Amino acid sequence: MTLADFKNAHKWLIIPLVVALIGFSRGYLFRLPDATWHHHMHGLSAILWYIMVIIQPYLITRGKVRQHKFYGTLSLFLAGGVTFSALTIIPNNLRALETLEPNPIVSADFLYGVSFTDIVTIIGFAASVLIGITKVKNLEDHAMWMISTVFWAFMPALSRLAMIPFMILFGTERYDFIDVIFFSTIFSILPIIIICWRLKRWHPALLIVAAANLLYFFIRPIGRSELWRAIADEVFKFS
């Protein structure tokens, strides 16, 4: 692959940013005064990371190597912020179990199940960044590992965006958030497959994140696992 193959990558990468902004608007952007510092740190660092991933291919394909390297260095701090802040969100989510109402859209199975997939997502994101750094001298590998970080964070945003049509069509009584996630998982993996097909390259960076997203199909059994619940309570749940 050459730089020309990534000439329009920044345009396509705007799509997941828009999905993230709309998806997290109801839960975060429209409730900024009520958000905790954990949410502010995670929201700000994640949005800036999305923007950085958009800017970087634009810079390098326009010959602006110095700027690309400069922002690449800054992105390391952003990646650390995204990773750390995401870890602080997990115990906050599990604390919601203390005031959880019976049969809500967000169930205990969901909260425990997502705590597991969140860990996988955080590890996958951080690992992709680190591998991308080590592959900086290989254009294709460096680009694909960095682009894959977008898809590690894509599913949580997409599932929240999918809540909007679900609520319009079904109200709030005939499904829970796990149903939305099951549906959204298909559309989180589909663009990865399309990218690999268009590039005629089944790159491991994309295959790994696609495989990890398959875990979302099993949110309910994971969330119901007594073993995982015990582990999550011990590691993440604080009074």
Protein backbone atom coordinates (compact mmCIF):
# COMPACT_ATOMS: atom_id res chain seq x y z
CA MET A 1 0.00 0.00 0.00
CA THR A 2 1.11 3.58 -0.70
CA LEU A 3 0.25 7.00 0.70
CA ALA A 4 -2.21 7.45 -2.16
CA ASP A 5 -4.35 4.64 -0.70
CA PHE A 6 -4.95 6.78 2.41
CA LYS A 7 -5.53 10.09 0.60
CA ASN A 8 -9.24 10.15 1.45
CA ALA A 9 -9.04 8.23 4.73
CA HIS A 10 -9.71 11.38 6.75
CA LYS A 11 -13.08 11.84 5.03
CA TRP A 12 -14.27 8.34 5.94
CA LEU A 13 -12.97 8.65 9.49
CA ILE A 14 -15.31 11.60 10.05
CA ILE A 15 -18.24 9.15 10.00
CA PRO A 16 -17.38 7.35 13.27
CA LEU A 17 -16.75 10.75 14.90
CA VAL A 18 -20.26 11.88 13.94
CA VAL A 19 -21.69 8.57 15.21
CA ALA A 20 -19.87 9.06 18.51
CA LEU A 21 -21.04 12.65 18.93
CA ILE A 22 -24.68 11.78 18.22
CA GLY A 23 -24.56 8.51 20.15
CA PHE A 24 -23.19 10.10 23.32
CA SER A 25 -25.18 13.33 23.02
CA ARG A 26 -28.11 12.20 25.20
CA GLY A 27 -25.97 10.59 27.88
CA TYR A 28 -23.13 13.11 27.99
CA LEU A 29 -23.11 16.15 25.68
CA PHE A 30 -26.63 17.25 26.63
CA ARG A 31 -25.93 16.66 30.32
CA LEU A 32 -22.55 18.31 30.77
CA PRO A 33 -23.43 20.06 34.07
CA ASP A 34 -24.38 16.71 35.64
CA ALA A 35 -21.41 14.72 34.32
CA THR A 36 -18.65 13.56 36.67
CA TRP A 37 -15.00 14.37 36.09
CA HIS A 38 -14.58 10.75 34.92
CA HIS A 39 -17.05 11.36 32.11
CA HIS A 40 -15.53 14.74 31.23
CA MET A 41 -12.04 13.30 31.04
CA HIS A 42 -13.16 10.33 28.98
CA GLY A 43 -15.45 12.33 26.71
CA LEU A 44 -12.91 15.04 25.97
CA SER A 45 -9.95 12.69 25.44
CA ALA A 46 -12.00 10.33 23.23
CA ILE A 47 -13.30 13.16 21.02
CA LEU A 48 -9.81 14.62 20.66
CA TRP A 49 -8.49 11.15 19.78
CA TYR A 50 -11.09 10.79 17.03
CA ILE A 51 -10.07 14.20 15.67
CA MET A 52 -6.40 13.25 15.83
CA VAL A 53 -6.99 10.07 13.87
CA ILE A 54 -8.80 12.15 11.23
CA ILE A 55 -6.05 14.76 11.01
CA GLN A 56 -3.06 12.41 10.84
CA PRO A 57 -3.74 10.72 7.47
CA TYR A 58 -4.63 14.11 5.99
CA LEU A 59 -1.29 15.57 7.07
CA ILE A 60 0.92 12.70 5.94
CA THR A 61 -0.75 12.32 2.54
CA ARG A 62 -0.27 16.07 1.94
CA GLY A 63 3.46 15.86 2.67
CA LYS A 64 3.26 17.56 6.06
CA VAL A 65 5.57 15.09 7.77
CA ARG A 66 6.77 17.42 10.53
CA GLN A 67 3.23 18.23 11.64
CA HIS A 68 2.30 14.56 11.43
CA LYS A 69 5.14 13.62 13.78
CA PHE A 70 4.34 16.48 16.17
CA TYR A 71 0.68 15.54 16.50
CA GLY A 72 1.68 11.89 16.67
CA THR A 73 3.66 12.66 19.82
CA LEU A 74 0.71 14.52 21.33
CA SER A 75 -1.56 11.60 20.49
CA LEU A 76 0.40 9.37 22.89
CA PHE A 77 -0.79 11.50 25.80
CA LEU A 78 -4.32 11.43 24.42
CA ALA A 79 -4.23 7.64 24.14
CA GLY A 80 -3.16 7.45 27.77
CA GLY A 81 -6.03 9.74 28.73
CA VAL A 82 -8.57 7.65 26.80
CA THR A 83 -7.30 4.43 28.38
CA PHE A 84 -7.11 5.70 31.97
CA SER A 85 -10.45 7.52 31.87
CA ALA A 86 -12.20 4.49 30.35
CA LEU A 87 -10.99 2.37 33.26
CA THR A 88 -12.50 4.83 35.74
CA ILE A 89 -15.89 4.60 34.03
CA ILE A 90 -16.31 0.86 34.75
CA PRO A 91 -16.68 1.10 38.57
CA ASN A 92 -18.99 4.09 38.08
CA ASN A 93 -21.23 1.97 35.86
CA LEU A 94 -21.31 -0.86 38.38
CA ARG A 95 -22.29 1.56 41.16
CA ALA A 96 -25.51 2.12 39.20
CA LEU A 97 -26.56 -1.36 40.36
CA GLU A 98 -27.23 0.07 43.83
CA THR A 99 -30.12 2.19 42.54
CA LEU A 100 -31.20 0.04 39.59
CA GLU A 101 -34.97 -0.16 39.21
CA PRO A 102 -36.69 -3.48 38.38
CA ASN A 103 -36.82 -4.40 34.67
CA PRO A 104 -35.24 -1.24 33.25
CA ILE A 105 -33.80 -0.87 29.76
CA VAL A 106 -30.41 -1.02 31.43
CA SER A 107 -30.35 -4.29 33.37
CA ALA A 108 -27.86 -5.81 35.79
CA ASP A 109 -26.96 -8.35 33.10
CA PHE A 110 -26.09 -5.46 30.80
CA LEU A 111 -23.94 -3.61 33.34
CA TYR A 112 -21.94 -6.70 34.25
CA GLY A 113 -21.66 -7.87 30.66
CA VAL A 114 -20.49 -4.49 29.39
CA SER A 115 -17.93 -4.25 32.19
CA PHE A 116 -16.27 -7.30 30.60
CA THR A 117 -16.40 -6.03 27.02
CA ASP A 118 -15.18 -2.63 28.21
CA ILE A 119 -12.04 -4.25 29.58
CA VAL A 120 -11.44 -6.04 26.28
CA THR A 121 -12.03 -2.79 24.39
CA ILE A 122 -9.65 -0.80 26.59
CA ILE A 123 -6.91 -3.42 26.29
CA GLY A 124 -7.45 -3.69 22.53
CA PHE A 125 -7.34 0.08 22.08
CA ALA A 126 -4.16 0.51 24.11
CA ALA A 127 -2.47 -2.46 22.44
CA SER A 128 -3.34 -1.15 18.96
CA VAL A 129 -1.80 2.22 19.78
CA LEU A 130 1.38 0.62 21.12
CA ILE A 131 1.71 -1.73 18.15
CA GLY A 132 1.06 1.17 15.79
CA ILE A 133 3.95 3.05 17.38
CA THR A 134 6.32 0.12 16.91
CA LYS A 135 5.27 -0.12 13.24
CA VAL A 136 5.95 3.56 12.51
CA LYS A 137 8.47 2.70 9.78
CA ASN A 138 5.99 0.46 7.98
CA LEU A 139 3.34 2.67 6.34
CA GLU A 140 0.60 0.05 5.98
CA ASP A 141 0.97 -1.50 9.42
CA HIS A 142 1.30 1.85 11.19
CA ALA A 143 -1.77 3.26 9.45
CA MET A 144 -3.96 0.19 9.92
CA TRP A 145 -3.18 -0.25 13.61
CA MET A 146 -3.92 3.41 14.28
CA ILE A 147 -7.12 3.39 12.22
CA SER A 148 -8.23 0.25 14.06
CA THR A 149 -8.35 2.24 17.31
CA VAL A 150 -11.45 3.97 15.95
CA PHE A 151 -13.26 0.64 15.70
CA TRP A 152 -12.38 -0.34 19.27
CA ALA A 153 -14.40 2.67 20.40
CA PHE A 154 -17.02 2.53 17.64
CA MET A 155 -19.37 -0.08 19.09
CA PRO A 156 -20.25 1.75 22.36
CA ALA A 157 -21.09 4.87 20.34
CA LEU A 158 -23.07 3.00 17.69
CA SER A 159 -25.17 1.11 20.23
CA ARG A 160 -26.18 4.38 21.88
CA LEU A 161 -27.05 5.88 18.52
CA ALA A 162 -29.18 2.79 17.76
CA MET A 163 -31.20 3.50 20.91
CA ILE A 164 -32.91 6.37 19.10
CA PRO A 165 -34.72 4.30 16.41
CA PHE A 166 -35.39 1.53 18.96
CA MET A 167 -37.15 3.96 21.28
CA ILE A 168 -39.15 5.45 18.39
CA LEU A 169 -40.24 2.02 17.11
CA PHE A 170 -40.69 0.07 20.33
CA GLY A 171 -40.93 2.53 23.19
CA THR A 172 -39.21 1.36 26.37
CA GLU A 173 -41.06 -1.81 27.34
CA ARG A 174 -40.39 -4.50 24.72
CA TYR A 175 -36.59 -4.69 24.78
CA ASP A 176 -33.53 -3.80 26.81
CA PHE A 177 -30.15 -2.35 25.91
CA ILE A 178 -28.74 -5.82 25.27
CA ASP A 179 -31.15 -6.21 22.34
CA VAL A 180 -29.87 -2.92 20.92
CA ILE A 181 -26.26 -4.05 21.31
CA PHE A 182 -26.98 -7.36 19.57
CA PHE A 183 -28.39 -5.49 16.59
CA SER A 184 -25.63 -2.85 16.58
CA THR A 185 -22.85 -5.43 16.62
CA ILE A 186 -23.69 -6.45 13.07
CA PHE A 187 -23.25 -2.88 11.87
CA SER A 188 -20.03 -2.41 13.82
CA ILE A 189 -18.39 -5.39 12.12
CA LEU A 190 -19.78 -4.73 8.64
CA PRO A 191 -17.67 -1.61 7.89
CA ILE A 192 -14.52 -3.46 8.96
CA ILE A 193 -15.29 -6.23 6.48
CA ILE A 194 -16.01 -3.66 3.76
CA ILE A 195 -12.69 -1.89 4.39
CA CYS A 196 -10.75 -5.16 4.21
CA TRP A 197 -12.57 -6.12 1.01
CA ARG A 198 -12.01 -2.72 -0.62
CA LEU A 199 -8.32 -2.71 0.30
CA LYS A 200 -7.97 -6.38 -0.67
CA ARG A 201 -6.05 -6.82 2.55
CA TRP A 202 -7.31 -8.68 5.61
CA HIS A 203 -5.05 -6.84 8.00
CA PRO A 204 -4.69 -8.37 11.49
CA ALA A 205 -5.38 -4.99 13.16
CA LEU A 206 -8.88 -4.96 11.69
CA LEU A 207 -9.50 -8.69 12.04
CA ILE A 208 -8.68 -8.59 15.75
CA VAL A 209 -11.07 -5.72 16.49
CA ALA A 210 -13.78 -7.41 14.40
CA ALA A 211 -13.31 -10.65 16.37
CA ALA A 212 -13.41 -8.76 19.67
CA ASN A 213 -16.68 -7.11 18.69
CA LEU A 214 -18.23 -10.57 18.40
CA LEU A 215 -18.17 -10.63 22.21
CA TYR A 216 -21.08 -8.18 22.18
CA PHE A 217 -23.29 -11.01 20.92
CA PHE A 218 -22.71 -12.68 24.30
CA ILE A 219 -23.36 -9.74 26.63
CA ARG A 220 -26.28 -11.50 28.33
CA PRO A 221 -24.54 -14.81 29.24
CA ILE A 222 -21.42 -12.92 30.29
CA GLY A 223 -23.48 -10.59 32.45
CA ARG A 224 -25.27 -13.53 34.07
CA SER A 225 -22.05 -15.39 34.87
CA GLU A 226 -21.71 -15.68 38.65
CA LEU A 227 -17.95 -16.06 38.26
CA TRP A 228 -17.59 -12.84 36.30
CA ARG A 229 -19.95 -10.99 38.63
CA ALA A 230 -17.80 -12.00 41.58
CA ILE A 231 -14.62 -10.90 39.81
CA ALA A 232 -16.15 -7.58 38.71
CA ASP A 233 -17.46 -6.87 42.22
CA GLU A 234 -14.05 -7.55 43.69
CA VAL A 235 -12.04 -5.55 41.16
CA PHE A 236 -14.29 -2.66 40.16
CA LYS A 237 -17.21 -2.19 42.52
CA PHE A 238 -16.53 0.15 45.41
CA SER A 239 -18.88 1.37 48.10
